[in-house]
Amino acid sequence: MKRHQVLIVAAISVLVLAGCTNAQQPTIQTSPAASPVATGQTDRAGVDRLLSVVSNTKVAVEAGNFSKANTEFSQFEDNWKQVEDGIKAKSSDRYKAIEDSLDRVTGELKGSQPNKQNVLADLQSMENNINSVAKL
């Protein structure tokens, strides 16, 4: 059985080495949206999407429409995933502040009686921290 495993490993190694010597290898390209996560940089478009979600959520909260605010804010997490590594690399303090606000806003909006002032304060804090780290 051991000899069989050695032969398999040897065959795979030969195939890998043969592939490495091919001068016409295809170039792997990443989309611009994937680059910030991979490189730890912030993507201005991703930051703008976050700010848009925060703004739309604030408008709904100010109107007292917490159901709409919850729907709007539910988009934050997907957009956050695209830029959070870049933000964390630039400022771990602001990253933590945004994460903390994210948790508080999510908790308030899912509650039976969200506190309007608390939600607005956390959304403003998020906006300030996102804008600050985007300038770094």
C-alpha atoms as a PDB file:
ATOM      1  CA  MET A   1       0.000   0.000   0.000  1.00  0.00           C
ATOM      2  CA  LYS A   2       2.827   2.433   0.816  1.00  0.00           C
ATOM      3  CA  ARG A   3       4.438   1.897  -2.604  1.00  0.00           C
ATOM      4  CA  HIS A   4       1.087   2.717  -4.213  1.00  0.00           C
ATOM      5  CA  GLN A   5       0.927   6.039  -2.303  1.00  0.00           C
ATOM      6  CA  VAL A   6       4.473   6.942  -3.336  1.00  0.00           C
ATOM      7  CA  LEU A   7       3.603   6.325  -6.985  1.00  0.00           C
ATOM      8  CA  ILE A   8       0.525   8.530  -6.735  1.00  0.00           C
ATOM      9  CA  VAL A   9       2.502  11.338  -5.120  1.00  0.00           C
ATOM     10  CA  ALA A  10       5.214  11.003  -7.768  1.00  0.00           C
ATOM     11  CA  ALA A  11       2.655  11.093 -10.593  1.00  0.00           C
ATOM     12  CA  ILE A  12       0.994  14.195  -9.171  1.00  0.00           C
ATOM     13  CA  SER A  13       4.376  15.885  -8.743  1.00  0.00           C
ATOM     14  CA  VAL A  14       5.294  15.206 -12.366  1.00  0.00           C
ATOM     15  CA  LEU A  15       1.984  16.638 -13.556  1.00  0.00           C
ATOM     16  CA  VAL A  16       2.375  19.737 -11.407  1.00  0.00           C
ATOM     17  CA  LEU A  17       5.932  20.306 -12.597  1.00  0.00           C
ATOM     18  CA  ALA A  18       4.909  19.788 -16.213  1.00  0.00           C
ATOM     19  CA  GLY A  19       2.181  22.395 -15.774  1.00  0.00           C
ATOM     20  CA  CYS A  20       4.633  24.883 -14.277  1.00  0.00           C
ATOM     21  CA  THR A  21       6.906  24.746 -17.298  1.00  0.00           C
ATOM     22  CA  ASN A  22       4.147  25.551 -19.783  1.00  0.00           C
ATOM     23  CA  ALA A  23       4.914  29.049 -21.093  1.00  0.00           C
ATOM     24  CA  GLN A  24       1.300  29.708 -22.031  1.00  0.00           C
ATOM     25  CA  GLN A  25      -0.320  29.437 -18.636  1.00  0.00           C
ATOM     26  CA  PRO A  26      -3.536  31.371 -18.256  1.00  0.00           C
ATOM     27  CA  THR A  27      -3.374  34.488 -16.121  1.00  0.00           C
ATOM     28  CA  ILE A  28      -5.652  34.521 -13.126  1.00  0.00           C
ATOM     29  CA  GLN A  29      -7.378  37.855 -12.707  1.00  0.00           C
ATOM     30  CA  THR A  30      -9.420  38.988  -9.765  1.00  0.00           C
ATOM     31  CA  SER A  31     -12.325  41.349  -9.955  1.00  0.00           C
ATOM     32  CA  PRO A  32     -11.863  44.788  -8.403  1.00  0.00           C
ATOM     33  CA  ALA A  33     -14.434  43.928  -5.722  1.00  0.00           C
ATOM     34  CA  ALA A  34     -12.371  40.955  -4.578  1.00  0.00           C
ATOM     35  CA  SER A  35      -9.076  42.810  -4.392  1.00  0.00           C
ATOM     36  CA  PRO A  36      -9.673  44.895  -1.252  1.00  0.00           C
ATOM     37  CA  VAL A  37     -10.455  41.838   0.843  1.00  0.00           C
ATOM     38  CA  ALA A  38      -7.450  39.951  -0.487  1.00  0.00           C
ATOM     39  CA  THR A  39      -5.035  42.846  -0.149  1.00  0.00           C
ATOM     40  CA  GLY A  40      -6.338  44.365   3.072  1.00  0.00           C
ATOM     41  CA  GLN A  41      -7.172  47.678   1.432  1.00  0.00           C
ATOM     42  CA  THR A  42     -10.416  49.588   1.498  1.00  0.00           C
ATOM     43  CA  ASP A  43     -12.448  49.914  -1.654  1.00  0.00           C
ATOM     44  CA  ARG A  44     -13.999  53.381  -2.073  1.00  0.00           C
ATOM     45  CA  ALA A  45     -17.070  51.894  -3.762  1.00  0.00           C
ATOM     46  CA  GLY A  46     -17.502  49.481  -0.844  1.00  0.00           C
ATOM     47  CA  VAL A  47     -17.162  52.327   1.651  1.00  0.00           C
ATOM     48  CA  ASP A  48     -19.719  54.345  -0.314  1.00  0.00           C
ATOM     49  CA  ARG A  49     -22.148  51.407  -0.210  1.00  0.00           C
ATOM     50  CA  LEU A  50     -21.727  51.193   3.576  1.00  0.00           C
ATOM     51  CA  LEU A  51     -22.367  54.898   3.950  1.00  0.00           C
ATOM     52  CA  SER A  52     -25.449  54.619   1.746  1.00  0.00           C
ATOM     53  CA  VAL A  53     -26.854  51.819   3.910  1.00  0.00           C
ATOM     54  CA  VAL A  54     -26.191  53.847   7.058  1.00  0.00           C
ATOM     55  CA  SER A  55     -27.815  56.936   5.523  1.00  0.00           C
ATOM     56  CA  ASN A  56     -30.909  55.055   4.348  1.00  0.00           C
ATOM     57  CA  THR A  57     -31.226  53.417   7.752  1.00  0.00           C
ATOM     58  CA  LYS A  58     -30.976  56.806   9.499  1.00  0.00           C
ATOM     59  CA  VAL A  59     -33.768  58.221   7.337  1.00  0.00           C
ATOM     60  CA  ALA A  60     -36.039  55.298   8.231  1.00  0.00           C
ATOM     61  CA  VAL A  61     -35.203  55.548  11.948  1.00  0.00           C
ATOM     62  CA  GLU A  62     -35.800  59.306  11.981  1.00  0.00           C
ATOM     63  CA  ALA A  63     -39.240  58.631  10.444  1.00  0.00           C
ATOM     64  CA  GLY A  64     -39.901  56.033  13.150  1.00  0.00           C
ATOM     65  CA  ASN A  65     -40.164  53.246  10.552  1.00  0.00           C
ATOM     66  CA  PHE A  66     -38.101  50.607  12.331  1.00  0.00           C
ATOM     67  CA  SER A  67     -39.281  47.827  10.051  1.00  0.00           C
ATOM     68  CA  LYS A  68     -37.860  49.668   7.035  1.00  0.00           C
ATOM     69  CA  ALA A  69     -34.748  50.574   9.033  1.00  0.00           C
ATOM     70  CA  ASN A  70     -34.187  46.892   9.795  1.00  0.00           C
ATOM     71  CA  THR A  71     -34.612  46.013   6.117  1.00  0.00           C
ATOM     72  CA  GLU A  72     -32.191  48.741   5.056  1.00  0.00           C
ATOM     73  CA  PHE A  73     -29.616  47.852   7.702  1.00  0.00           C
ATOM     74  CA  SER A  74     -29.719  44.162   6.811  1.00  0.00           C
ATOM     75  CA  GLN A  75     -27.659  45.124   3.726  1.00  0.00           C
ATOM     76  CA  PHE A  76     -24.817  46.414   5.890  1.00  0.00           C
ATOM     77  CA  GLU A  77     -23.300  43.014   6.694  1.00  0.00           C
ATOM     78  CA  ASP A  78     -22.836  41.971   3.049  1.00  0.00           C
ATOM     79  CA  ASN A  79     -21.194  45.283   2.200  1.00  0.00           C
ATOM     80  CA  TRP A  80     -19.130  45.210   5.404  1.00  0.00           C
ATOM     81  CA  LYS A  81     -17.623  41.841   4.476  1.00  0.00           C
ATOM     82  CA  GLN A  82     -16.116  43.413   1.360  1.00  0.00           C
ATOM     83  CA  VAL A  83     -14.186  46.124   3.200  1.00  0.00           C
ATOM     84  CA  GLU A  84     -13.817  45.059   6.821  1.00  0.00           C
ATOM     85  CA  ASP A  85     -10.356  43.536   6.386  1.00  0.00           C
ATOM     86  CA  GLY A  86      -9.084  46.725   4.784  1.00  0.00           C
ATOM     87  CA  ILE A  87     -10.604  48.849   7.528  1.00  0.00           C
ATOM     88  CA  LYS A  88      -9.168  46.594  10.218  1.00  0.00           C
ATOM     89  CA  ALA A  89      -5.715  46.851   8.602  1.00  0.00           C
ATOM     90  CA  LYS A  90      -5.903  50.647   8.584  1.00  0.00           C
ATOM     91  CA  SER A  91      -7.323  51.124  12.071  1.00  0.00           C
ATOM     92  CA  SER A  92      -8.128  48.335  14.484  1.00  0.00           C
ATOM     93  CA  ASP A  93      -9.730  50.861  16.865  1.00  0.00           C
ATOM     94  CA  ARG A  94     -12.169  52.174  14.258  1.00  0.00           C
ATOM     95  CA  TYR A  95     -12.821  48.631  13.064  1.00  0.00           C
ATOM     96  CA  LYS A  96     -13.803  47.612  16.601  1.00  0.00           C
ATOM     97  CA  ALA A  97     -15.964  50.719  17.031  1.00  0.00           C
ATOM     98  CA  ILE A  98     -17.814  49.938  13.786  1.00  0.00           C
ATOM     99  CA  GLU A  99     -18.272  46.297  14.814  1.00  0.00           C
ATOM    100  CA  ASP A 100     -19.603  47.371  18.229  1.00  0.00           C
ATOM    101  CA  SER A 101     -22.046  49.828  16.642  1.00  0.00           C
ATOM    102  CA  LEU A 102     -23.077  47.171  14.135  1.00  0.00           C
ATOM    103  CA  ASP A 103     -23.962  44.802  16.968  1.00  0.00           C
ATOM    104  CA  ARG A 104     -25.891  47.465  18.904  1.00  0.00           C
ATOM    105  CA  VAL A 105     -27.871  48.694  15.872  1.00  0.00           C
ATOM    106  CA  THR A 106     -28.715  45.140  14.839  1.00  0.00           C
ATOM    107  CA  GLY A 107     -29.841  44.322  18.379  1.00  0.00           C
ATOM    108  CA  GLU A 108     -31.962  47.462  18.701  1.00  0.00           C
ATOM    109  CA  LEU A 109     -33.644  47.051  15.323  1.00  0.00           C
ATOM    110  CA  LYS A 110     -34.513  43.438  16.048  1.00  0.00           C
ATOM    111  CA  GLY A 111     -35.976  44.338  19.432  1.00  0.00           C
ATOM    112  CA  SER A 112     -39.682  44.917  20.010  1.00  0.00           C
ATOM    113  CA  GLN A 113     -39.222  48.624  20.870  1.00  0.00           C
ATOM    114  CA  PRO A 114     -36.011  50.066  19.414  1.00  0.00           C
ATOM    115  CA  ASN A 115     -34.655  53.175  21.103  1.00  0.00           C
ATOM    116  CA  LYS A 116     -34.596  55.794  18.347  1.00  0.00           C
ATOM    117  CA  GLN A 117     -31.910  57.966  19.966  1.00  0.00           C
ATOM    118  CA  ASN A 118     -29.591  55.016  20.646  1.00  0.00           C
ATOM    119  CA  VAL A 119     -29.917  53.743  17.089  1.00  0.00           C
ATOM    120  CA  LEU A 120     -29.308  57.197  15.611  1.00  0.00           C
ATOM    121  CA  ALA A 121     -26.268  57.726  17.865  1.00  0.00           C
ATOM    122  CA  ASP A 122     -24.769  54.379  16.820  1.00  0.00           C
ATOM    123  CA  LEU A 123     -25.477  55.029  13.137  1.00  0.00           C
ATOM    124  CA  GLN A 124     -23.785  58.439  13.433  1.00  0.00           C
ATOM    125  CA  SER A 125     -20.806  56.827  15.154  1.00  0.00           C
ATOM    126  CA  MET A 126     -20.577  54.253  12.364  1.00  0.00           C
ATOM    127  CA  GLU A 127     -20.723  56.946   9.712  1.00  0.00           C
ATOM    128  CA  ASN A 128     -18.002  58.988  11.438  1.00  0.00           C
ATOM    129  CA  ASN A 129     -15.717  55.977  11.866  1.00  0.00           C
ATOM    130  CA  ILE A 130     -16.213  54.767   8.281  1.00  0.00           C
ATOM    131  CA  ASN A 131     -15.472  58.240   6.920  1.00  0.00           C
ATOM    132  CA  SER A 132     -12.417  58.622   9.153  1.00  0.00           C
ATOM    133  CA  VAL A 133     -10.849  55.305   8.190  1.00  0.00           C
ATOM    134  CA  ALA A 134     -11.584  55.895   4.494  1.00  0.00           C
ATOM    135  CA  LYS A 135      -9.364  58.980   4.668  1.00  0.00           C
ATOM    136  CA  LEU A 136      -6.395  57.046   6.092  1.00  0.00           C
END
